[in-house]
Amino acid sequence: MFGIGLGGFVDGFTRGMGLREEMKDREQNRLDRAEDRKWRAEDRAFQQEERAFARSERQRQLGQRNRIEAIQSDARQEFAQGVEAGTYKESEFDKFWVEYAMPRLQGEYIMQGDIDSAKALADWSTSTNSTRGRNLFATALAHYQSGNHAKALEIASEAANLPGYGPGMDFRVEELTTKKGDHVGWAAVYTDADGNEFQQEMDDEDVGTFISGLLNPQATFEAERAAAAKAAERQTELETYESKKEIDQRYSTTNDRSRADAIKALRDQYKPDPFDDSKVSFDAMPREEQERLIAQELSLQQGGSSQMAPTPRVIVDNQTGQRVQPSSASSGQPAPGLGQSPKPSQTENPAVGISPRPNAVINGVEDPSLPAPPSAAEAVDMAAREMVNGGDPQAIARQLQAMGVPQSKWPESVTRPLTQSGR
């Protein structure tokens, strides 16, 4: 009975714990859903705020453009009335524009917080070409209103080709006619700096609108400002490019072609070996090592004009495994060690066995008296062969240490006897 009661207690306790965890999970899910709803509401509010700001900005820009167009329209009407009243002559539109339109345009810029444009407008208005361009603009409109479209477009072309006033491209107007020579309209032809032509056709009734859009002073000022900003941006980009180019030339050891040739030669020399992981390709080397090899290769290409440090002669004592100076070695052939076998006799068959290592290169010159020091992979391979031929593992280990080969790369045939002997 006690066992049954204990089992029922444990079972009830387990179910109770499960219900408790389930309630905790439900509460956590409820909190997560509430947090998610809060985040979505904040995101919607932010997006609505962004859309409202965008609408407000578009309305502001549209309002400014409408007010500026109203200033231009009022200026033309006021000038026409001034001419009729005798206050201004037809050739004095520029004087009227400076007195009437420019202060209103500056006030519009200042109201929008664009102080730079207000100052730039005053500077632009005093230039010789802008003054002449405004007078030509008024004259062209006067000819259009009198019905002389050809003269209006002729004068408009003169204004459009003034530096600092027109569209910044070569401009001309051509008459459009039928095959019989009947007049049907006009074509405004723009030619950019690259010789590309763009054409805009219009009827007689569109000439006034075309001239106003092309040459009204405020629009011309805005176009000039945009062109100046773009030119400044191009100049900055050019100066940045020239600065980088100057730095590259300043720190370059030779011209680009010689450097490219050196890199190509090194890539051919240091190719990856799929059967030997220890052989590193040129592209996989550290940057410092690449630059050192490039400098050495360039020196060799130039006939050794740059003095490079000579490759040191390395002779290893076969008994002690220590490096010895060439002067302390035998006056004859150096003592053989790993990678420095005696020269084969003339009677030996060169096709049998392992080919002798290439001669050492000392300051760009091959030295037939001493083989080049072996690489780490070659030293490990030679050590393995020495062990097969009954070599002394301790002597071979000393030689590998002297050559800078890490113990992790040593052949097992060398490390196993050392481990067993308690080295």
Protein backbone atom coordinates (compact mmCIF):
# COMPACT_ATOMS: atom_id res chain seq x y z
CA MET A 1 0.00 0.00 0.00
CA PHE A 2 2.85 2.29 0.81
CA GLY A 3 4.37 1.64 -2.62
CA ILE A 4 1.09 2.36 -4.39
CA GLY A 5 0.65 5.56 -2.41
CA LEU A 6 4.21 6.69 -3.14
CA GLY A 7 3.74 5.93 -6.84
CA GLY A 8 0.51 7.92 -6.94
CA PHE A 9 2.21 10.83 -5.20
CA VAL A 10 5.09 10.85 -7.67
CA ASP A 11 2.68 10.60 -10.60
CA GLY A 12 0.58 13.47 -9.27
CA PHE A 13 3.66 15.54 -8.57
CA THR A 14 4.92 14.98 -12.12
CA ARG A 15 1.60 15.99 -13.63
CA GLY A 16 1.53 19.06 -11.43
CA MET A 17 5.01 20.08 -12.54
CA GLY A 18 3.99 19.54 -16.16
CA LEU A 19 0.92 21.74 -15.73
CA ARG A 20 3.06 24.39 -14.09
CA GLU A 21 5.53 24.38 -16.99
CA GLU A 22 2.65 24.49 -19.46
CA MET A 23 1.21 27.53 -17.69
CA LYS A 24 4.60 29.21 -17.74
CA ASP A 25 4.91 28.51 -21.49
CA ARG A 26 1.45 29.96 -22.10
CA GLU A 27 2.31 33.08 -20.14
CA GLN A 28 5.59 33.47 -22.05
CA ASN A 29 3.79 33.03 -25.38
CA ARG A 30 1.29 35.66 -24.32
CA LEU A 31 4.11 38.07 -23.45
CA ASP A 32 5.86 37.31 -26.74
CA ARG A 33 2.69 38.01 -28.72
CA ALA A 34 2.15 41.25 -26.82
CA GLU A 35 5.76 42.31 -27.54
CA ASP A 36 5.33 41.39 -31.19
CA ARG A 37 2.14 43.45 -31.42
CA LYS A 38 3.91 46.40 -29.78
CA TRP A 39 6.82 46.14 -32.22
CA ARG A 40 4.48 45.98 -35.22
CA ALA A 41 2.55 49.01 -33.97
CA GLU A 42 5.78 50.99 -33.53
CA ASP A 43 6.96 49.95 -37.00
CA ARG A 44 3.66 51.03 -38.56
CA ALA A 45 3.87 54.36 -36.74
CA PHE A 46 7.43 54.90 -37.97
CA GLN A 47 6.48 54.08 -41.58
CA GLN A 48 3.50 56.43 -41.38
CA GLU A 49 5.79 59.16 -40.05
CA GLU A 50 8.24 58.59 -42.93
CA ARG A 51 5.45 58.74 -45.50
CA ALA A 52 4.08 61.90 -43.91
CA PHE A 53 7.53 63.51 -44.01
CA ALA A 54 8.01 62.50 -47.67
CA ARG A 55 4.63 64.00 -48.57
CA SER A 56 5.48 67.16 -46.66
CA GLU A 57 8.84 67.45 -48.46
CA ARG A 58 7.24 66.95 -51.87
CA GLN A 59 4.62 69.57 -51.04
CA ARG A 60 7.33 71.97 -49.85
CA GLN A 61 9.36 71.53 -53.03
CA LEU A 62 6.24 71.87 -55.20
CA GLY A 63 5.20 74.99 -53.32
CA GLN A 64 8.65 76.53 -53.75
CA ARG A 65 8.68 75.74 -57.47
CA ASN A 66 5.21 77.24 -57.90
CA ARG A 67 6.21 80.40 -56.04
CA ILE A 68 9.37 80.76 -58.14
CA GLU A 69 7.39 80.29 -61.35
CA ALA A 70 4.90 82.89 -60.12
CA ILE A 71 7.77 85.34 -59.51
CA GLN A 72 9.01 84.81 -63.08
CA SER A 73 5.54 85.16 -64.55
CA ASP A 74 4.85 88.31 -62.53
CA ALA A 75 8.21 89.72 -63.57
CA ARG A 76 7.40 89.34 -67.29
CA GLN A 77 3.98 90.93 -66.83
CA GLU A 78 5.35 93.78 -64.73
CA PHE A 79 8.09 94.44 -67.26
CA ALA A 80 5.60 94.52 -70.14
CA GLN A 81 3.48 96.99 -68.22
CA GLY A 82 6.57 99.07 -67.37
CA VAL A 83 7.51 99.23 -71.07
CA GLU A 84 4.00 100.34 -71.98
CA ALA A 85 4.07 102.96 -69.25
CA GLY A 86 7.49 104.20 -70.37
CA THR A 87 9.17 103.25 -67.10
CA TYR A 88 11.53 100.82 -68.84
CA LYS A 89 12.82 100.41 -72.36
CA GLU A 90 12.59 96.98 -74.05
CA SER A 91 16.39 96.69 -73.82
CA GLU A 92 16.30 97.20 -70.02
CA PHE A 93 14.86 93.87 -68.95
CA ASP A 94 18.03 93.00 -67.04
CA LYS A 95 17.80 96.22 -65.03
CA PHE A 96 14.17 95.45 -64.23
CA TRP A 97 14.93 91.82 -63.35
CA VAL A 98 17.68 92.81 -60.90
CA GLU A 99 15.40 95.38 -59.26
CA TYR A 100 12.19 93.35 -59.23
CA ALA A 101 12.67 89.58 -59.63
CA MET A 102 16.05 88.93 -58.02
CA PRO A 103 15.13 90.26 -54.51
CA ARG A 104 11.99 88.13 -54.53
CA LEU A 105 13.92 85.03 -55.61
CA GLN A 106 16.54 85.65 -52.91
CA GLY A 107 13.77 85.98 -50.36
CA GLU A 108 12.36 82.61 -51.46
CA TYR A 109 15.76 80.94 -51.04
CA ILE A 110 16.29 82.53 -47.62
CA MET A 111 12.82 81.46 -46.51
CA GLN A 112 13.81 77.86 -47.31
CA GLY A 113 17.10 78.25 -45.40
CA ASP A 114 19.23 78.13 -48.58
CA ILE A 115 21.52 81.08 -47.84
CA ASP A 116 24.21 79.84 -50.25
CA SER A 117 21.84 79.97 -53.23
CA ALA A 118 20.72 83.47 -52.27
CA LYS A 119 24.34 84.71 -52.25
CA ALA A 120 25.20 82.81 -55.44
CA LEU A 121 22.22 84.36 -57.24
CA ALA A 122 23.49 87.86 -56.42
CA ASP A 123 27.00 86.98 -57.69
CA TRP A 124 25.65 85.35 -60.85
CA SER A 125 23.37 88.26 -61.65
CA THR A 126 26.33 90.67 -61.93
CA SER A 127 28.33 88.61 -64.45
CA THR A 128 28.61 89.97 -67.99
CA ASN A 129 27.17 86.92 -69.73
CA SER A 130 24.20 86.60 -67.37
CA THR A 131 23.38 90.28 -67.91
CA ARG A 132 23.55 89.91 -71.69
CA GLY A 133 21.66 86.61 -71.57
CA ARG A 134 18.75 88.12 -69.65
CA ASN A 135 18.44 90.99 -72.12
CA LEU A 136 18.55 88.58 -75.07
CA PHE A 137 15.90 86.46 -73.36
CA ALA A 138 13.54 89.44 -73.06
CA THR A 139 14.22 90.47 -76.66
CA ALA A 140 13.50 86.96 -77.93
CA LEU A 141 10.18 86.89 -76.09
CA ALA A 142 9.29 90.29 -77.50
CA HIS A 143 9.88 89.01 -81.07
CA TYR A 144 7.81 85.92 -80.32
CA GLN A 145 4.91 88.02 -79.06
CA SER A 146 5.12 90.10 -82.25
CA GLY A 147 4.83 86.89 -84.31
CA ASN A 148 8.42 86.80 -85.61
CA HIS A 149 9.26 83.26 -84.54
CA ALA A 150 12.38 82.95 -86.67
CA LYS A 151 13.94 86.09 -85.15
CA ALA A 152 12.89 85.02 -81.66
CA LEU A 153 14.67 81.66 -82.05
CA GLU A 154 17.71 83.29 -83.63
CA ILE A 155 18.16 85.58 -80.62
CA ALA A 156 17.40 82.68 -78.25
CA SER A 157 20.20 80.70 -79.92
CA GLU A 158 22.62 83.55 -79.30
CA ALA A 159 21.67 83.61 -75.60
CA ALA A 160 21.82 79.81 -75.28
CA ASN A 161 25.42 79.74 -76.58
CA LEU A 162 26.67 82.29 -74.03
CA PRO A 163 29.09 80.60 -71.56
CA GLY A 164 27.51 80.49 -68.11
CA TYR A 165 24.02 81.22 -69.32
CA GLY A 166 22.87 78.59 -71.81
CA PRO A 167 22.42 74.82 -71.43
CA GLY A 168 26.17 74.18 -71.60
CA MET A 169 26.05 72.59 -75.05
CA ASP A 170 26.33 73.87 -78.59
CA PHE A 171 22.84 74.98 -79.61
CA ARG A 172 21.19 75.80 -82.89
CA VAL A 173 17.68 75.94 -84.36
CA GLU A 174 16.68 74.50 -87.72
CA GLU A 175 13.46 75.10 -89.63
CA LEU A 176 11.38 72.03 -90.49
CA THR A 177 9.79 72.03 -93.94
CA THR A 178 8.00 69.61 -96.24
CA LYS A 179 9.50 68.33 -99.47
CA LYS A 180 7.80 71.22 -101.24
CA GLY A 181 9.43 73.71 -98.88
CA ASP A 182 6.38 74.50 -96.77
CA HIS A 183 7.10 75.48 -93.16
CA VAL A 184 5.91 72.94 -90.56
CA GLY A 185 7.85 73.80 -87.38
CA TRP A 186 11.25 74.06 -85.73
CA ALA A 187 13.95 71.74 -84.41
CA ALA A 188 16.22 72.70 -81.51
CA VAL A 189 19.49 70.77 -81.89
CA TYR A 190 21.90 70.27 -78.95
CA THR A 191 25.46 68.95 -79.45
CA ASP A 192 27.40 67.81 -76.38
CA ALA A 193 31.18 67.78 -75.85
CA ASP A 194 31.45 64.27 -77.32
CA GLY A 195 29.71 65.27 -80.56
CA ASN A 196 26.41 63.57 -79.73
CA GLU A 197 23.34 65.40 -81.05
CA PHE A 198 19.91 65.65 -79.42
CA GLN A 199 16.92 67.14 -81.18
CA GLN A 200 13.68 68.66 -79.88
CA GLU A 201 10.92 69.51 -82.36
CA MET A 202 8.21 72.14 -81.79
CA ASP A 203 5.35 73.92 -83.51
CA ASP A 204 5.10 77.72 -83.84
CA GLU A 205 2.77 77.99 -80.86
CA ASP A 206 5.29 76.19 -78.66
CA VAL A 207 8.15 78.62 -79.35
CA GLY A 208 7.33 80.97 -76.46
CA THR A 209 7.09 78.16 -73.94
CA PHE A 210 10.35 76.71 -75.24
CA ILE A 211 12.24 80.00 -74.94
CA SER A 212 10.88 80.62 -71.43
CA GLY A 213 11.85 77.15 -70.25
CA LEU A 214 15.30 77.33 -71.82
CA LEU A 215 16.39 80.86 -70.98
CA ASN A 216 14.40 82.33 -68.09
CA PRO A 217 16.97 83.71 -65.64
CA GLN A 218 16.05 81.65 -62.59
CA ALA A 219 16.06 78.35 -64.49
CA THR A 220 19.37 79.30 -66.10
CA PHE A 221 20.83 80.12 -62.68
CA GLU A 222 19.70 76.75 -61.29
CA ALA A 223 21.19 74.93 -64.29
CA GLU A 224 24.47 76.83 -63.87
CA ARG A 225 24.58 75.92 -60.17
CA ALA A 226 23.99 72.24 -60.95
CA ALA A 227 26.66 72.27 -63.68
CA ALA A 228 29.16 73.94 -61.32
CA ALA A 229 28.46 71.37 -58.59
CA LYS A 230 28.94 68.52 -61.05
CA ALA A 231 32.17 70.06 -62.36
CA ALA A 232 33.45 70.43 -58.77
CA GLU A 233 32.61 66.79 -58.10
CA ARG A 234 34.49 65.70 -61.22
CA GLN A 235 37.45 67.86 -60.23
CA THR A 236 37.51 66.29 -56.76
CA GLU A 237 37.41 62.81 -58.28
CA LEU A 238 40.22 63.75 -60.68
CA GLU A 239 42.36 65.16 -57.86
CA THR A 240 41.77 62.03 -55.79
CA TYR A 241 42.76 59.84 -58.75
CA GLU A 242 45.88 61.92 -59.47
CA SER A 243 46.85 61.80 -55.79
CA LYS A 244 46.52 58.00 -55.68
CA LYS A 245 48.43 57.70 -58.94
CA GLU A 246 51.21 59.91 -57.59
CA ILE A 247 51.45 57.82 -54.42
CA ASP A 248 51.58 54.60 -56.45
CA GLN A 249 54.36 56.00 -58.63
CA ARG A 250 56.24 57.36 -55.63
CA TYR A 251 56.39 54.03 -53.82
CA SER A 252 56.74 51.81 -56.86
CA THR A 253 60.20 50.25 -57.31
CA THR A 254 59.83 50.03 -61.08
CA ASN A 255 57.23 50.44 -63.80
CA ASP A 256 54.04 48.39 -63.82
CA ARG A 257 55.13 46.16 -66.70
CA SER A 258 58.34 45.06 -64.97
CA ARG A 259 56.44 44.34 -61.77
CA ALA A 260 53.82 42.34 -63.66
CA ASP A 261 56.59 40.33 -65.37
CA ALA A 262 58.21 39.63 -62.01
CA ILE A 263 54.93 38.43 -60.50
CA LYS A 264 54.29 36.17 -63.50
CA ALA A 265 57.75 34.64 -63.19
CA LEU A 266 57.28 34.02 -59.47
CA ARG A 267 53.89 32.40 -60.02
CA ASP A 268 55.51 30.05 -62.54
CA GLN A 269 58.33 29.30 -60.10
CA TYR A 270 56.14 28.80 -57.01
CA LYS A 271 53.32 26.60 -58.22
CA PRO A 272 51.16 24.54 -55.84
CA ASP A 273 51.90 20.81 -55.72
CA PRO A 274 48.81 18.62 -55.15
CA PHE A 275 51.09 15.84 -53.85
CA ASP A 276 53.05 18.01 -51.43
CA ASP A 277 51.09 20.18 -48.97
CA SER A 278 54.30 21.87 -47.77
CA LYS A 279 54.84 23.61 -51.11
CA VAL A 280 53.08 26.94 -50.95
CA SER A 281 52.05 28.81 -54.10
CA PHE A 282 53.18 32.41 -54.59
CA ASP A 283 49.63 33.74 -54.24
CA ALA A 284 49.21 31.96 -50.88
CA MET A 285 52.39 33.49 -49.37
CA PRO A 286 52.22 36.35 -46.81
CA ARG A 287 52.30 39.82 -48.32
CA GLU A 288 55.72 40.59 -46.86
CA GLU A 289 57.24 37.48 -48.41
CA GLN A 290 55.65 38.25 -51.77
CA GLU A 291 57.14 41.75 -51.77
CA ARG A 292 60.56 40.41 -50.82
CA LEU A 293 60.50 37.91 -53.69
CA ILE A 294 59.22 40.55 -56.13
CA ALA A 295 62.04 42.91 -55.18
CA GLN A 296 64.58 40.10 -55.63
CA GLU A 297 63.10 39.10 -59.00
CA LEU A 298 63.15 42.71 -60.20
CA SER A 299 66.79 42.95 -59.18
CA LEU A 300 67.59 39.86 -61.23
CA GLN A 301 65.66 41.21 -64.23
CA GLN A 302 67.69 44.43 -64.06
CA GLY A 303 70.97 42.56 -64.01
CA GLY A 304 71.49 42.73 -60.25
CA SER A 305 71.58 46.53 -60.15
CA SER A 306 69.95 46.45 -56.72
CA GLN A 307 72.29 44.81 -54.22
CA MET A 308 70.44 41.96 -52.52
CA ALA A 309 71.76 40.18 -49.46
CA PRO A 310 73.65 37.06 -50.64
CA THR A 311 72.13 33.70 -49.85
CA PRO A 312 74.19 32.27 -46.96
CA ARG A 313 76.08 29.02 -47.44
CA VAL A 314 74.77 26.38 -45.05
CA ILE A 315 76.93 23.36 -44.17
CA VAL A 316 75.71 20.91 -41.51
CA ASP A 317 77.98 18.61 -39.56
CA ASN A 318 76.64 15.06 -40.08
CA GLN A 319 77.70 13.96 -36.60
CA THR A 320 76.65 16.92 -34.44
CA GLY A 321 73.80 18.28 -36.55
CA GLN A 322 75.18 21.83 -36.04
CA ARG A 323 75.81 24.41 -38.75
CA VAL A 324 79.46 25.20 -39.46
CA GLN A 325 81.04 28.10 -41.33
CA PRO A 326 82.27 27.37 -44.85
CA SER A 327 85.81 28.32 -43.80
CA SER A 328 85.85 25.61 -41.11
CA ALA A 329 84.80 22.91 -43.53
CA SER A 330 87.18 20.81 -45.47
CA SER A 331 88.98 22.65 -48.26
CA GLY A 332 87.69 19.99 -50.55
CA GLN A 333 84.09 18.92 -50.95
CA PRO A 334 81.87 19.84 -47.93
CA ALA A 335 80.95 17.13 -45.48
CA PRO A 336 77.74 15.45 -46.58
CA GLY A 337 74.61 16.02 -44.55
CA LEU A 338 70.89 16.13 -45.18
CA GLY A 339 70.50 17.70 -48.61
CA GLN A 340 74.28 17.86 -49.22
CA SER A 341 75.35 14.60 -50.72
CA PRO A 342 78.77 14.24 -52.35
CA LYS A 343 78.96 15.03 -56.04
CA PRO A 344 78.27 11.94 -58.12
CA SER A 345 81.20 10.55 -60.04
CA GLN A 346 81.30 10.87 -63.80
CA THR A 347 80.74 7.13 -64.15
CA GLU A 348 77.46 7.13 -62.26
CA ASN A 349 74.33 6.64 -64.30
CA PRO A 350 72.36 9.90 -63.94
CA ALA A 351 69.14 8.06 -64.70
CA VAL A 352 69.44 5.92 -61.56
CA GLY A 353 68.56 7.19 -58.08
CA ILE A 354 67.62 10.74 -57.11
CA SER A 355 68.85 13.63 -59.21
CA PRO A 356 71.33 15.88 -57.40
CA ARG A 357 69.90 19.09 -55.98
CA PRO A 358 70.42 22.24 -58.02
CA ASN A 359 73.40 24.40 -57.18
CA ALA A 360 73.06 27.24 -54.71
CA VAL A 361 72.39 30.67 -56.16
CA ILE A 362 74.54 33.34 -54.51
CA ASN A 363 73.53 36.91 -55.32
CA GLY A 364 72.01 35.84 -58.63
CA VAL A 365 75.01 33.67 -59.64
CA GLU A 366 74.96 29.86 -59.55
CA ASP A 367 77.61 28.39 -57.27
CA PRO A 368 78.52 24.85 -58.50
CA SER A 369 80.60 24.15 -55.41
CA LEU A 370 77.66 23.99 -53.01
CA PRO A 371 74.12 22.67 -53.44
CA ALA A 372 71.32 24.93 -52.35
CA PRO A 373 70.00 24.25 -48.82
CA PRO A 374 67.03 21.87 -48.93
CA SER A 375 63.49 22.97 -48.21
CA ALA A 376 61.66 21.63 -45.15
CA ALA A 377 59.79 19.04 -47.23
CA GLU A 378 62.99 17.88 -48.90
CA ALA A 379 64.76 17.63 -45.53
CA VAL A 380 61.94 15.46 -44.13
CA ASP A 381 62.06 13.21 -47.21
CA MET A 382 65.83 12.82 -46.92
CA ALA A 383 65.55 12.08 -43.21
CA ALA A 384 63.11 9.26 -43.92
CA ARG A 385 65.50 7.78 -46.50
CA GLU A 386 68.44 8.07 -44.10
CA MET A 387 66.46 6.07 -41.50
CA VAL A 388 65.70 3.39 -44.10
CA ASN A 389 69.45 3.14 -44.73
CA GLY A 390 70.11 2.67 -40.98
CA GLY A 391 70.84 6.25 -39.99
CA ASP A 392 71.21 7.46 -36.41
CA PRO A 393 67.86 8.99 -35.31
CA GLN A 394 69.50 11.34 -32.82
CA ALA A 395 71.96 12.71 -35.40
CA ILE A 396 69.17 13.08 -37.95
CA ALA A 397 67.00 14.83 -35.32
CA ARG A 398 69.81 17.31 -34.64
CA GLN A 399 70.13 18.02 -38.34
CA LEU A 400 66.37 18.58 -38.70
CA GLN A 401 66.46 20.97 -35.73
CA ALA A 402 69.41 22.85 -37.23
CA MET A 403 67.47 23.24 -40.48
CA GLY A 404 64.49 24.69 -38.63
CA VAL A 405 62.10 21.81 -39.40
CA PRO A 406 59.38 21.64 -36.68
CA GLN A 407 59.21 18.33 -34.81
CA SER A 408 55.57 17.89 -35.87
CA LYS A 409 56.84 17.45 -39.46
CA TRP A 410 59.51 14.85 -38.65
CA PRO A 411 59.06 11.34 -40.07
CA GLU A 412 57.63 8.79 -37.68
CA SER A 413 60.72 6.60 -38.29
CA VAL A 414 62.75 9.34 -36.54
CA THR A 415 60.39 10.28 -33.71
CA ARG A 416 59.47 6.70 -32.69
CA PRO A 417 63.03 5.60 -31.68
CA LEU A 418 63.52 8.91 -29.86
CA THR A 419 60.31 8.40 -27.88
CA GLN A 420 61.28 4.84 -27.01
CA SER A 421 64.73 5.90 -25.84
CA GLY A 422 63.16 8.58 -23.61
CA ARG A 423 64.74 11.50 -25.46
